[in-house]
N, C-alpha and C. Protein backbone atom coordinates (compact mmCIF):
# COMPACT_ATOMS: atom_id res chain seq x y z
N MET A 1 -7.49 -17.99 -5.44
CA MET A 1 -8.49 -17.85 -6.47
C MET A 1 -8.38 -19.02 -7.43
N SER A 2 -9.53 -19.48 -7.88
CA SER A 2 -9.52 -20.55 -8.87
C SER A 2 -10.17 -20.05 -10.15
N GLN A 3 -10.68 -20.98 -10.93
CA GLN A 3 -11.22 -20.64 -12.25
C GLN A 3 -12.38 -19.66 -12.16
N ALA A 4 -12.62 -18.96 -13.26
CA ALA A 4 -13.72 -18.00 -13.32
C ALA A 4 -15.05 -18.73 -13.29
N SER A 5 -16.01 -18.11 -12.69
CA SER A 5 -17.37 -18.64 -12.64
C SER A 5 -18.09 -18.26 -13.93
N PRO A 6 -19.15 -19.00 -14.30
CA PRO A 6 -19.91 -18.60 -15.47
C PRO A 6 -20.64 -17.27 -15.27
N MET A 7 -20.74 -16.79 -14.01
CA MET A 7 -21.40 -15.52 -13.75
C MET A 7 -20.50 -14.37 -14.20
N THR A 8 -21.08 -13.37 -14.82
CA THR A 8 -20.32 -12.24 -15.31
C THR A 8 -19.56 -11.57 -14.18
N ASN A 9 -18.27 -11.35 -14.39
CA ASN A 9 -17.39 -10.68 -13.44
C ASN A 9 -17.22 -11.40 -12.11
N ALA A 10 -17.74 -12.59 -11.98
CA ALA A 10 -17.61 -13.32 -10.72
C ALA A 10 -16.48 -14.33 -10.84
N PHE A 11 -15.85 -14.62 -9.70
CA PHE A 11 -14.82 -15.65 -9.66
C PHE A 11 -15.01 -16.43 -8.37
N MET A 12 -14.46 -17.62 -8.32
CA MET A 12 -14.63 -18.48 -7.16
C MET A 12 -13.54 -18.17 -6.13
N VAL A 13 -13.96 -18.08 -4.86
CA VAL A 13 -13.05 -17.79 -3.76
C VAL A 13 -13.25 -18.85 -2.69
N SER A 14 -12.16 -19.34 -2.14
CA SER A 14 -12.24 -20.29 -1.03
C SER A 14 -12.93 -19.61 0.15
N VAL A 15 -13.84 -20.31 0.82
CA VAL A 15 -14.51 -19.73 1.99
C VAL A 15 -13.49 -19.40 3.08
N GLN A 16 -12.36 -20.08 3.08
CA GLN A 16 -11.31 -19.82 4.06
C GLN A 16 -10.60 -18.49 3.83
N ASP A 17 -10.76 -17.93 2.62
CA ASP A 17 -10.10 -16.67 2.28
C ASP A 17 -10.97 -15.44 2.51
N ILE A 18 -12.17 -15.64 3.08
CA ILE A 18 -13.09 -14.52 3.27
C ILE A 18 -13.22 -14.17 4.74
N GLU A 19 -12.91 -12.93 5.05
CA GLU A 19 -13.03 -12.40 6.42
C GLU A 19 -14.45 -11.86 6.60
N VAL A 20 -15.08 -12.26 7.69
CA VAL A 20 -16.41 -11.76 8.03
C VAL A 20 -16.24 -10.98 9.33
N SER A 21 -16.13 -9.65 9.21
CA SER A 21 -15.89 -8.83 10.39
C SER A 21 -17.21 -8.38 11.01
N ASN A 22 -17.18 -7.34 11.79
CA ASN A 22 -18.37 -6.84 12.49
C ASN A 22 -19.48 -6.54 11.49
N ARG A 23 -20.56 -7.29 11.59
CA ARG A 23 -21.66 -7.20 10.63
C ARG A 23 -22.90 -6.61 11.27
N ALA A 24 -23.77 -6.07 10.42
CA ALA A 24 -25.02 -5.49 10.89
C ALA A 24 -25.97 -6.55 11.42
N ARG A 25 -26.06 -7.67 10.72
CA ARG A 25 -26.96 -8.74 11.15
C ARG A 25 -26.31 -9.52 12.27
N LYS A 26 -27.05 -9.73 13.34
CA LYS A 26 -26.53 -10.48 14.48
C LYS A 26 -27.18 -11.85 14.59
N GLU A 27 -28.41 -11.98 14.10
CA GLU A 27 -29.13 -13.24 14.23
C GLU A 27 -29.73 -13.63 12.88
N PHE A 28 -29.81 -14.93 12.68
CA PHE A 28 -30.39 -15.48 11.46
C PHE A 28 -31.42 -16.52 11.86
N LYS A 29 -32.65 -16.35 11.37
CA LYS A 29 -33.72 -17.28 11.73
C LYS A 29 -33.48 -18.62 11.06
N LYS A 30 -33.73 -19.68 11.83
CA LYS A 30 -33.47 -21.04 11.37
C LYS A 30 -34.27 -21.41 10.12
N GLY A 31 -35.56 -21.14 10.08
CA GLY A 31 -36.39 -21.52 8.94
C GLY A 31 -35.90 -20.95 7.61
N PRO A 32 -35.73 -19.63 7.52
CA PRO A 32 -35.23 -19.06 6.27
C PRO A 32 -33.82 -19.55 5.91
N MET A 33 -32.96 -19.75 6.91
CA MET A 33 -31.61 -20.26 6.62
C MET A 33 -31.67 -21.69 6.11
N ASP A 34 -32.56 -22.51 6.68
CA ASP A 34 -32.73 -23.88 6.20
C ASP A 34 -33.18 -23.88 4.75
N SER A 35 -34.13 -22.99 4.43
CA SER A 35 -34.62 -22.89 3.04
C SER A 35 -33.50 -22.47 2.10
N LEU A 36 -32.69 -21.51 2.53
CA LEU A 36 -31.57 -21.06 1.70
C LEU A 36 -30.56 -22.18 1.50
N ARG A 37 -30.25 -22.93 2.56
CA ARG A 37 -29.32 -24.06 2.42
C ARG A 37 -29.87 -25.09 1.44
N GLU A 38 -31.16 -25.37 1.51
CA GLU A 38 -31.78 -26.33 0.58
C GLU A 38 -31.68 -25.82 -0.86
N SER A 39 -31.94 -24.54 -1.05
CA SER A 39 -31.85 -23.95 -2.39
C SER A 39 -30.43 -24.03 -2.92
N ILE A 40 -29.45 -23.73 -2.08
CA ILE A 40 -28.05 -23.80 -2.50
C ILE A 40 -27.65 -25.24 -2.81
N ALA A 41 -28.13 -26.17 -2.02
CA ALA A 41 -27.83 -27.59 -2.28
C ALA A 41 -28.39 -28.01 -3.64
N GLN A 42 -29.54 -27.48 -3.99
CA GLN A 42 -30.19 -27.87 -5.25
C GLN A 42 -29.68 -27.09 -6.46
N HIS A 43 -29.47 -25.78 -6.29
CA HIS A 43 -29.16 -24.92 -7.45
C HIS A 43 -27.79 -24.25 -7.38
N GLY A 44 -27.10 -24.35 -6.24
CA GLY A 44 -25.86 -23.61 -6.06
C GLY A 44 -26.17 -22.18 -5.63
N ILE A 45 -25.13 -21.39 -5.49
CA ILE A 45 -25.32 -19.98 -5.14
C ILE A 45 -25.59 -19.22 -6.43
N ILE A 46 -26.79 -18.69 -6.54
CA ILE A 46 -27.23 -18.03 -7.77
C ILE A 46 -26.69 -16.61 -7.88
N GLU A 47 -26.68 -15.91 -6.77
CA GLU A 47 -26.20 -14.53 -6.75
C GLU A 47 -24.85 -14.48 -6.03
N PRO A 48 -23.81 -13.99 -6.68
CA PRO A 48 -22.48 -13.96 -6.05
C PRO A 48 -22.45 -13.07 -4.81
N LEU A 49 -21.54 -13.38 -3.92
CA LEU A 49 -21.26 -12.53 -2.77
C LEU A 49 -20.45 -11.34 -3.27
N VAL A 50 -20.45 -10.27 -2.53
CA VAL A 50 -19.63 -9.10 -2.86
C VAL A 50 -18.53 -9.03 -1.81
N VAL A 51 -17.29 -8.96 -2.28
CA VAL A 51 -16.13 -8.87 -1.40
C VAL A 51 -15.27 -7.69 -1.80
N GLU A 52 -14.43 -7.28 -0.86
CA GLU A 52 -13.44 -6.23 -1.14
C GLU A 52 -12.09 -6.75 -0.65
N PRO A 53 -10.99 -6.18 -1.12
CA PRO A 53 -9.69 -6.63 -0.64
C PRO A 53 -9.56 -6.38 0.87
N SER A 54 -8.85 -7.27 1.54
CA SER A 54 -8.63 -7.15 2.98
C SER A 54 -7.13 -6.97 3.23
N ASP A 55 -6.79 -6.35 4.34
CA ASP A 55 -5.38 -6.21 4.74
C ASP A 55 -4.87 -7.46 5.44
N ASN A 56 -5.77 -8.38 5.74
CA ASN A 56 -5.44 -9.61 6.45
C ASN A 56 -4.82 -10.61 5.47
N GLU A 57 -3.55 -10.95 5.65
CA GLU A 57 -2.86 -11.85 4.71
C GLU A 57 -3.48 -13.24 4.67
N SER A 58 -3.99 -13.72 5.80
CA SER A 58 -4.56 -15.07 5.82
C SER A 58 -5.97 -15.11 5.24
N LYS A 59 -6.62 -13.96 5.18
CA LYS A 59 -7.96 -13.86 4.59
C LYS A 59 -7.94 -12.63 3.67
N PRO A 60 -7.58 -12.82 2.40
CA PRO A 60 -7.37 -11.68 1.51
C PRO A 60 -8.62 -10.92 1.08
N TYR A 61 -9.81 -11.45 1.41
CA TYR A 61 -11.05 -10.77 1.04
C TYR A 61 -11.92 -10.52 2.27
N ARG A 62 -12.64 -9.40 2.26
CA ARG A 62 -13.58 -9.07 3.33
C ARG A 62 -14.98 -9.05 2.73
N LEU A 63 -15.91 -9.70 3.41
CA LEU A 63 -17.29 -9.78 2.93
C LEU A 63 -17.96 -8.41 3.02
N VAL A 64 -18.58 -7.99 1.94
CA VAL A 64 -19.34 -6.74 1.90
C VAL A 64 -20.83 -7.07 1.93
N ALA A 65 -21.26 -7.98 1.07
CA ALA A 65 -22.68 -8.34 0.98
C ALA A 65 -22.80 -9.83 0.67
N GLY A 66 -23.81 -10.44 1.27
CA GLY A 66 -24.07 -11.85 1.02
C GLY A 66 -23.79 -12.75 2.21
N GLU A 67 -23.91 -12.19 3.42
CA GLU A 67 -23.58 -12.98 4.60
C GLU A 67 -24.47 -14.21 4.76
N ARG A 68 -25.75 -14.10 4.45
CA ARG A 68 -26.64 -15.26 4.56
C ARG A 68 -26.19 -16.37 3.62
N ARG A 69 -25.85 -16.00 2.39
CA ARG A 69 -25.38 -17.00 1.42
C ARG A 69 -24.07 -17.61 1.89
N PHE A 70 -23.17 -16.78 2.44
CA PHE A 70 -21.88 -17.27 2.94
C PHE A 70 -22.10 -18.27 4.07
N ARG A 71 -22.93 -17.92 5.04
CA ARG A 71 -23.19 -18.81 6.17
C ARG A 71 -23.87 -20.11 5.71
N ALA A 72 -24.79 -19.98 4.78
CA ALA A 72 -25.47 -21.17 4.26
C ALA A 72 -24.48 -22.10 3.56
N ALA A 73 -23.52 -21.52 2.84
CA ALA A 73 -22.50 -22.33 2.16
C ALA A 73 -21.63 -23.06 3.17
N LEU A 74 -21.31 -22.40 4.27
CA LEU A 74 -20.48 -23.02 5.31
C LEU A 74 -21.18 -24.19 6.00
N PHE A 75 -22.51 -24.10 6.09
CA PHE A 75 -23.25 -25.11 6.84
C PHE A 75 -23.95 -26.12 5.94
N GLN A 76 -23.53 -26.19 4.68
CA GLN A 76 -24.00 -27.25 3.79
C GLN A 76 -23.41 -28.56 4.28
N MET A 77 -23.98 -29.65 3.89
CA MET A 77 -23.41 -30.97 4.19
C MET A 77 -23.08 -31.64 2.88
N PRO A 78 -21.85 -31.70 2.45
CA PRO A 78 -20.66 -31.09 3.06
C PRO A 78 -20.60 -29.59 2.75
N PRO A 79 -19.83 -28.84 3.55
CA PRO A 79 -19.71 -27.40 3.29
C PRO A 79 -19.12 -27.13 1.91
N LEU A 80 -19.54 -26.04 1.31
CA LEU A 80 -18.98 -25.66 0.01
C LEU A 80 -17.56 -25.12 0.24
N PRO A 81 -16.58 -25.59 -0.52
CA PRO A 81 -15.21 -25.10 -0.33
C PRO A 81 -14.99 -23.71 -0.93
N GLU A 82 -15.79 -23.37 -1.95
CA GLU A 82 -15.65 -22.09 -2.65
C GLU A 82 -17.02 -21.48 -2.89
N VAL A 83 -17.04 -20.16 -3.01
CA VAL A 83 -18.28 -19.44 -3.31
C VAL A 83 -18.00 -18.42 -4.42
N PRO A 84 -19.00 -18.15 -5.27
CA PRO A 84 -18.81 -17.14 -6.31
C PRO A 84 -18.83 -15.74 -5.69
N CYS A 85 -17.89 -14.90 -6.13
CA CYS A 85 -17.78 -13.55 -5.57
C CYS A 85 -17.56 -12.53 -6.68
N ILE A 86 -17.96 -11.33 -6.39
CA ILE A 86 -17.64 -10.17 -7.22
C ILE A 86 -16.73 -9.29 -6.37
N LEU A 87 -15.59 -8.93 -6.89
CA LEU A 87 -14.62 -8.11 -6.17
C LEU A 87 -14.92 -6.64 -6.41
N ARG A 88 -15.05 -5.87 -5.32
CA ARG A 88 -15.25 -4.43 -5.39
C ARG A 88 -14.07 -3.74 -4.72
N ALA A 89 -13.00 -3.54 -5.47
CA ALA A 89 -11.81 -2.89 -4.94
C ALA A 89 -11.96 -1.37 -4.91
N ASP A 90 -13.05 -0.87 -5.47
CA ASP A 90 -13.26 0.57 -5.58
C ASP A 90 -13.96 1.19 -4.38
N LEU A 91 -14.31 0.40 -3.38
CA LEU A 91 -15.10 0.89 -2.25
C LEU A 91 -14.22 1.41 -1.12
N ASP A 92 -14.65 2.50 -0.50
CA ASP A 92 -14.02 2.87 0.76
C ASP A 92 -14.84 2.23 1.87
N GLY A 93 -14.40 2.34 3.10
CA GLY A 93 -15.08 1.68 4.22
C GLY A 93 -16.53 2.09 4.35
N GLN A 94 -16.82 3.37 4.15
CA GLN A 94 -18.19 3.85 4.28
C GLN A 94 -19.07 3.29 3.17
N GLN A 95 -18.57 3.25 1.95
CA GLN A 95 -19.35 2.70 0.84
C GLN A 95 -19.65 1.22 1.05
N ALA A 96 -18.66 0.48 1.53
CA ALA A 96 -18.87 -0.94 1.79
C ALA A 96 -19.93 -1.14 2.86
N ARG A 97 -19.88 -0.33 3.90
CA ARG A 97 -20.88 -0.43 4.98
C ARG A 97 -22.28 -0.06 4.46
N GLU A 98 -22.37 0.95 3.60
CA GLU A 98 -23.66 1.34 3.01
C GLU A 98 -24.26 0.19 2.21
N ILE A 99 -23.44 -0.49 1.42
CA ILE A 99 -23.93 -1.61 0.63
C ILE A 99 -24.45 -2.71 1.56
N GLU A 100 -23.69 -3.01 2.60
CA GLU A 100 -24.13 -4.04 3.56
C GLU A 100 -25.45 -3.66 4.20
N LEU A 101 -25.56 -2.42 4.67
CA LEU A 101 -26.78 -1.98 5.34
C LEU A 101 -27.97 -1.95 4.38
N ASP A 102 -27.74 -1.45 3.16
CA ASP A 102 -28.82 -1.40 2.18
C ASP A 102 -29.33 -2.80 1.87
N GLU A 103 -28.43 -3.76 1.75
CA GLU A 103 -28.85 -5.13 1.48
C GLU A 103 -29.66 -5.69 2.65
N ASN A 104 -29.21 -5.44 3.87
CA ASN A 104 -29.85 -6.02 5.04
C ASN A 104 -31.19 -5.38 5.39
N ILE A 105 -31.34 -4.09 5.14
CA ILE A 105 -32.60 -3.42 5.50
C ILE A 105 -33.76 -3.97 4.68
N GLN A 106 -33.46 -4.57 3.54
CA GLN A 106 -34.51 -5.11 2.67
C GLN A 106 -35.01 -6.48 3.13
N ARG A 107 -34.34 -7.11 4.05
CA ARG A 107 -34.71 -8.45 4.52
C ARG A 107 -36.04 -8.43 5.27
N GLU A 108 -36.91 -9.36 4.94
CA GLU A 108 -38.18 -9.48 5.64
C GLU A 108 -38.01 -10.13 7.01
N SER A 109 -37.00 -10.94 7.17
CA SER A 109 -36.84 -11.72 8.40
C SER A 109 -36.10 -10.98 9.51
N LEU A 110 -35.92 -9.69 9.36
CA LEU A 110 -35.24 -8.92 10.41
C LEU A 110 -36.11 -8.81 11.66
N GLU A 111 -35.49 -8.93 12.81
CA GLU A 111 -36.19 -8.60 14.06
C GLU A 111 -36.34 -7.09 14.08
N TRP A 112 -37.37 -6.60 14.75
CA TRP A 112 -37.61 -5.16 14.72
C TRP A 112 -36.44 -4.38 15.32
N GLN A 113 -35.77 -4.97 16.33
CA GLN A 113 -34.63 -4.29 16.93
C GLN A 113 -33.50 -4.11 15.90
N GLU A 114 -33.30 -5.13 15.05
CA GLU A 114 -32.30 -5.02 13.99
C GLU A 114 -32.71 -3.96 12.97
N ARG A 115 -34.00 -3.96 12.62
CA ARG A 115 -34.49 -3.00 11.61
C ARG A 115 -34.30 -1.57 12.09
N VAL A 116 -34.64 -1.27 13.35
CA VAL A 116 -34.48 0.11 13.82
C VAL A 116 -33.00 0.48 13.92
N ALA A 117 -32.15 -0.46 14.31
CA ALA A 117 -30.71 -0.19 14.38
C ALA A 117 -30.15 0.07 12.98
N LEU A 118 -30.58 -0.72 11.99
CA LEU A 118 -30.12 -0.52 10.61
C LEU A 118 -30.58 0.83 10.08
N THR A 119 -31.84 1.19 10.35
CA THR A 119 -32.35 2.49 9.90
C THR A 119 -31.51 3.62 10.48
N ALA A 120 -31.21 3.53 11.77
CA ALA A 120 -30.41 4.58 12.42
C ALA A 120 -28.99 4.62 11.85
N GLU A 121 -28.41 3.45 11.59
CA GLU A 121 -27.04 3.44 11.07
C GLU A 121 -26.99 3.95 9.62
N ILE A 122 -27.99 3.60 8.82
CA ILE A 122 -28.06 4.15 7.46
C ILE A 122 -28.17 5.66 7.53
N ASP A 123 -29.05 6.16 8.39
CA ASP A 123 -29.21 7.60 8.54
C ASP A 123 -27.88 8.26 8.93
N LYS A 124 -27.18 7.66 9.88
CA LYS A 124 -25.91 8.22 10.35
C LYS A 124 -24.87 8.25 9.22
N LEU A 125 -24.72 7.14 8.50
CA LEU A 125 -23.74 7.09 7.40
C LEU A 125 -24.07 8.09 6.30
N LYS A 126 -25.33 8.13 5.91
CA LYS A 126 -25.74 9.05 4.83
C LYS A 126 -25.57 10.50 5.28
N ARG A 127 -25.89 10.77 6.54
CA ARG A 127 -25.75 12.12 7.09
C ARG A 127 -24.28 12.55 7.09
N GLU A 128 -23.39 11.65 7.54
CA GLU A 128 -21.95 11.95 7.57
C GLU A 128 -21.41 12.19 6.15
N LYS A 129 -21.85 11.36 5.22
CA LYS A 129 -21.41 11.50 3.83
C LYS A 129 -21.88 12.84 3.26
N ALA A 130 -23.13 13.20 3.50
CA ALA A 130 -23.67 14.46 2.99
C ALA A 130 -22.93 15.65 3.61
N GLU A 131 -22.69 15.60 4.91
CA GLU A 131 -21.98 16.70 5.58
C GLU A 131 -20.56 16.85 5.05
N ALA A 132 -19.89 15.73 4.76
CA ALA A 132 -18.53 15.79 4.21
C ALA A 132 -18.51 16.46 2.84
N GLN A 133 -19.66 16.40 2.15
CA GLN A 133 -19.78 17.03 0.83
C GLN A 133 -20.44 18.40 0.92
N GLY A 134 -20.65 18.90 2.15
CA GLY A 134 -21.26 20.21 2.34
C GLY A 134 -22.76 20.21 2.08
N GLU A 135 -23.38 19.06 2.17
CA GLU A 135 -24.81 18.96 1.91
C GLU A 135 -25.53 18.55 3.19
N LYS A 136 -26.87 18.51 3.11
CA LYS A 136 -27.68 18.09 4.25
C LYS A 136 -28.35 16.76 3.92
N TRP A 137 -28.57 15.97 4.95
CA TRP A 137 -29.31 14.71 4.81
C TRP A 137 -30.48 14.78 5.78
N THR A 138 -31.67 14.44 5.29
CA THR A 138 -32.86 14.56 6.12
C THR A 138 -33.44 13.19 6.48
N THR A 139 -34.28 13.21 7.48
CA THR A 139 -34.99 11.98 7.86
C THR A 139 -35.89 11.54 6.71
N GLU A 140 -36.42 12.47 5.96
CA GLU A 140 -37.25 12.12 4.80
C GLU A 140 -36.43 11.33 3.77
N GLN A 141 -35.18 11.71 3.56
CA GLN A 141 -34.32 10.95 2.65
C GLN A 141 -34.03 9.56 3.20
N THR A 142 -33.83 9.47 4.52
CA THR A 142 -33.64 8.15 5.14
C THR A 142 -34.88 7.30 4.92
N ALA A 143 -36.04 7.89 5.07
CA ALA A 143 -37.29 7.16 4.85
C ALA A 143 -37.36 6.63 3.42
N GLU A 144 -36.94 7.45 2.46
CA GLU A 144 -36.97 7.02 1.06
C GLU A 144 -36.07 5.82 0.81
N VAL A 145 -34.85 5.86 1.33
CA VAL A 145 -33.92 4.76 1.04
C VAL A 145 -34.22 3.49 1.83
N THR A 146 -34.98 3.63 2.93
CA THR A 146 -35.32 2.45 3.72
C THR A 146 -36.73 1.94 3.45
N GLY A 147 -37.49 2.67 2.65
CA GLY A 147 -38.85 2.24 2.33
C GLY A 147 -39.85 2.49 3.45
N LEU A 148 -39.52 3.43 4.32
CA LEU A 148 -40.42 3.77 5.43
C LEU A 148 -41.07 5.12 5.17
N LYS A 149 -42.12 5.39 5.93
CA LYS A 149 -42.67 6.75 5.95
C LYS A 149 -41.76 7.58 6.84
N ARG A 150 -41.79 8.90 6.65
CA ARG A 150 -40.89 9.78 7.40
C ARG A 150 -41.07 9.63 8.91
N ALA A 151 -42.31 9.58 9.37
CA ALA A 151 -42.56 9.46 10.80
C ALA A 151 -42.01 8.14 11.35
N ALA A 152 -42.15 7.07 10.57
CA ALA A 152 -41.63 5.77 11.02
C ALA A 152 -40.10 5.80 11.07
N ALA A 153 -39.45 6.41 10.07
CA ALA A 153 -37.99 6.51 10.08
C ALA A 153 -37.52 7.30 11.30
N PHE A 154 -38.23 8.39 11.61
CA PHE A 154 -37.89 9.19 12.79
C PHE A 154 -38.03 8.35 14.05
N ARG A 155 -39.11 7.59 14.18
CA ARG A 155 -39.33 6.76 15.36
C ARG A 155 -38.31 5.62 15.44
N HIS A 156 -37.94 5.07 14.29
CA HIS A 156 -36.90 4.03 14.28
C HIS A 156 -35.60 4.58 14.85
N LYS A 157 -35.25 5.79 14.44
CA LYS A 157 -34.02 6.40 14.96
C LYS A 157 -34.11 6.63 16.46
N GLN A 158 -35.27 7.07 16.94
CA GLN A 158 -35.46 7.26 18.38
C GLN A 158 -35.35 5.94 19.13
N LEU A 159 -36.01 4.90 18.61
CA LEU A 159 -35.95 3.59 19.26
C LEU A 159 -34.52 3.05 19.28
N ALA A 160 -33.80 3.22 18.18
CA ALA A 160 -32.42 2.73 18.12
C ALA A 160 -31.57 3.43 19.18
N LYS A 161 -31.77 4.72 19.34
CA LYS A 161 -31.01 5.47 20.35
C LYS A 161 -31.35 4.95 21.75
N THR A 162 -32.62 4.71 21.99
CA THR A 162 -33.04 4.19 23.30
C THR A 162 -32.44 2.80 23.55
N LEU A 163 -32.49 1.93 22.55
CA LEU A 163 -31.93 0.58 22.71
C LEU A 163 -30.42 0.62 22.90
N GLU A 164 -29.76 1.59 22.26
CA GLU A 164 -28.31 1.73 22.44
C GLU A 164 -27.99 2.21 23.85
N GLU A 165 -28.79 3.14 24.35
CA GLU A 165 -28.58 3.67 25.70
C GLU A 165 -28.96 2.66 26.78
N ARG A 166 -29.91 1.80 26.45
CA ARG A 166 -30.41 0.81 27.41
C ARG A 166 -30.36 -0.60 26.80
N PRO A 167 -29.18 -1.22 26.73
CA PRO A 167 -29.05 -2.55 26.12
C PRO A 167 -29.93 -3.61 26.78
N ASP A 168 -30.28 -3.41 28.05
CA ASP A 168 -31.16 -4.36 28.74
C ASP A 168 -32.54 -4.43 28.07
N LEU A 169 -32.97 -3.31 27.47
CA LEU A 169 -34.27 -3.30 26.78
C LEU A 169 -34.26 -4.18 25.54
N ALA A 170 -33.12 -4.22 24.84
CA ALA A 170 -33.03 -5.08 23.65
C ALA A 170 -33.26 -6.53 24.04
N THR A 171 -32.69 -6.95 25.14
CA THR A 171 -32.86 -8.32 25.61
C THR A 171 -34.29 -8.55 26.08
N ARG A 172 -34.83 -7.62 26.85
CA ARG A 172 -36.17 -7.78 27.41
C ARG A 172 -37.27 -7.72 26.35
N THR A 173 -37.01 -7.05 25.23
CA THR A 173 -38.05 -6.90 24.19
C THR A 173 -37.83 -7.85 23.02
N LYS A 174 -36.87 -8.76 23.14
CA LYS A 174 -36.48 -9.62 22.02
C LYS A 174 -37.65 -10.31 21.32
N ASN A 175 -38.56 -10.90 22.06
CA ASN A 175 -39.67 -11.63 21.44
C ASN A 175 -40.97 -10.85 21.43
N MET A 176 -40.87 -9.56 21.66
CA MET A 176 -42.06 -8.71 21.64
C MET A 176 -42.22 -8.07 20.27
N PRO A 177 -43.46 -7.76 19.90
CA PRO A 177 -43.66 -7.05 18.62
C PRO A 177 -43.13 -5.62 18.69
N MET A 178 -42.87 -5.07 17.51
CA MET A 178 -42.41 -3.69 17.44
C MET A 178 -43.49 -2.77 18.00
N PRO A 179 -43.10 -1.74 18.77
CA PRO A 179 -44.10 -0.77 19.22
C PRO A 179 -44.86 -0.20 18.04
N THR A 180 -46.17 -0.13 18.16
CA THR A 180 -47.01 0.27 17.03
C THR A 180 -46.69 1.66 16.52
N SER A 181 -46.18 2.54 17.38
CA SER A 181 -45.85 3.88 16.92
C SER A 181 -44.68 3.91 15.95
N ALA A 182 -43.92 2.80 15.84
CA ALA A 182 -42.75 2.77 14.97
C ALA A 182 -42.98 1.92 13.73
N LEU A 183 -44.19 1.43 13.55
CA LEU A 183 -44.45 0.60 12.37
C LEU A 183 -44.31 1.40 11.09
N SER A 184 -43.98 0.72 10.03
CA SER A 184 -43.71 1.42 8.75
C SER A 184 -44.97 1.65 7.93
N VAL A 185 -46.11 1.31 8.45
CA VAL A 185 -47.35 1.46 7.67
C VAL A 185 -47.98 2.81 7.89
């Protein structure tokens, strides 16, 4: 860790100290990433990344939110040696995953396959959390947190299950539009 950043509660962390484990986002479109890199080159990272403590001694922090900013910082010319971060030591694994998923579901540049998988994973996490507290979680609640209509959230969950059961379909449908029955409109 080095000096504090001018951002409230943020501090600078070496990019070498941040572990990026299994993430929800698998692909990043070149155009938006190029724009983000240009913005970072001109203005720096405006919004800090969110990290949590890691058990890995060589990488003491694990990325919770801000993967696009992290990747853009790594691919600057020259790469940024440090990035501003906010430490969230109060999160359990499920809370950290919820924050990551909530951040990613809001992205406009998601492929439809990613969007349906994120919707299903958010539903699963929220459902497990509610059940652990003796409560129920509904598809309507999933629709609310993802910004979808209830029918679209239900169809997203069905599509995600189908894509999980048939990984060949994810590859074959990669450049195809989302089935109209699953649109969020």
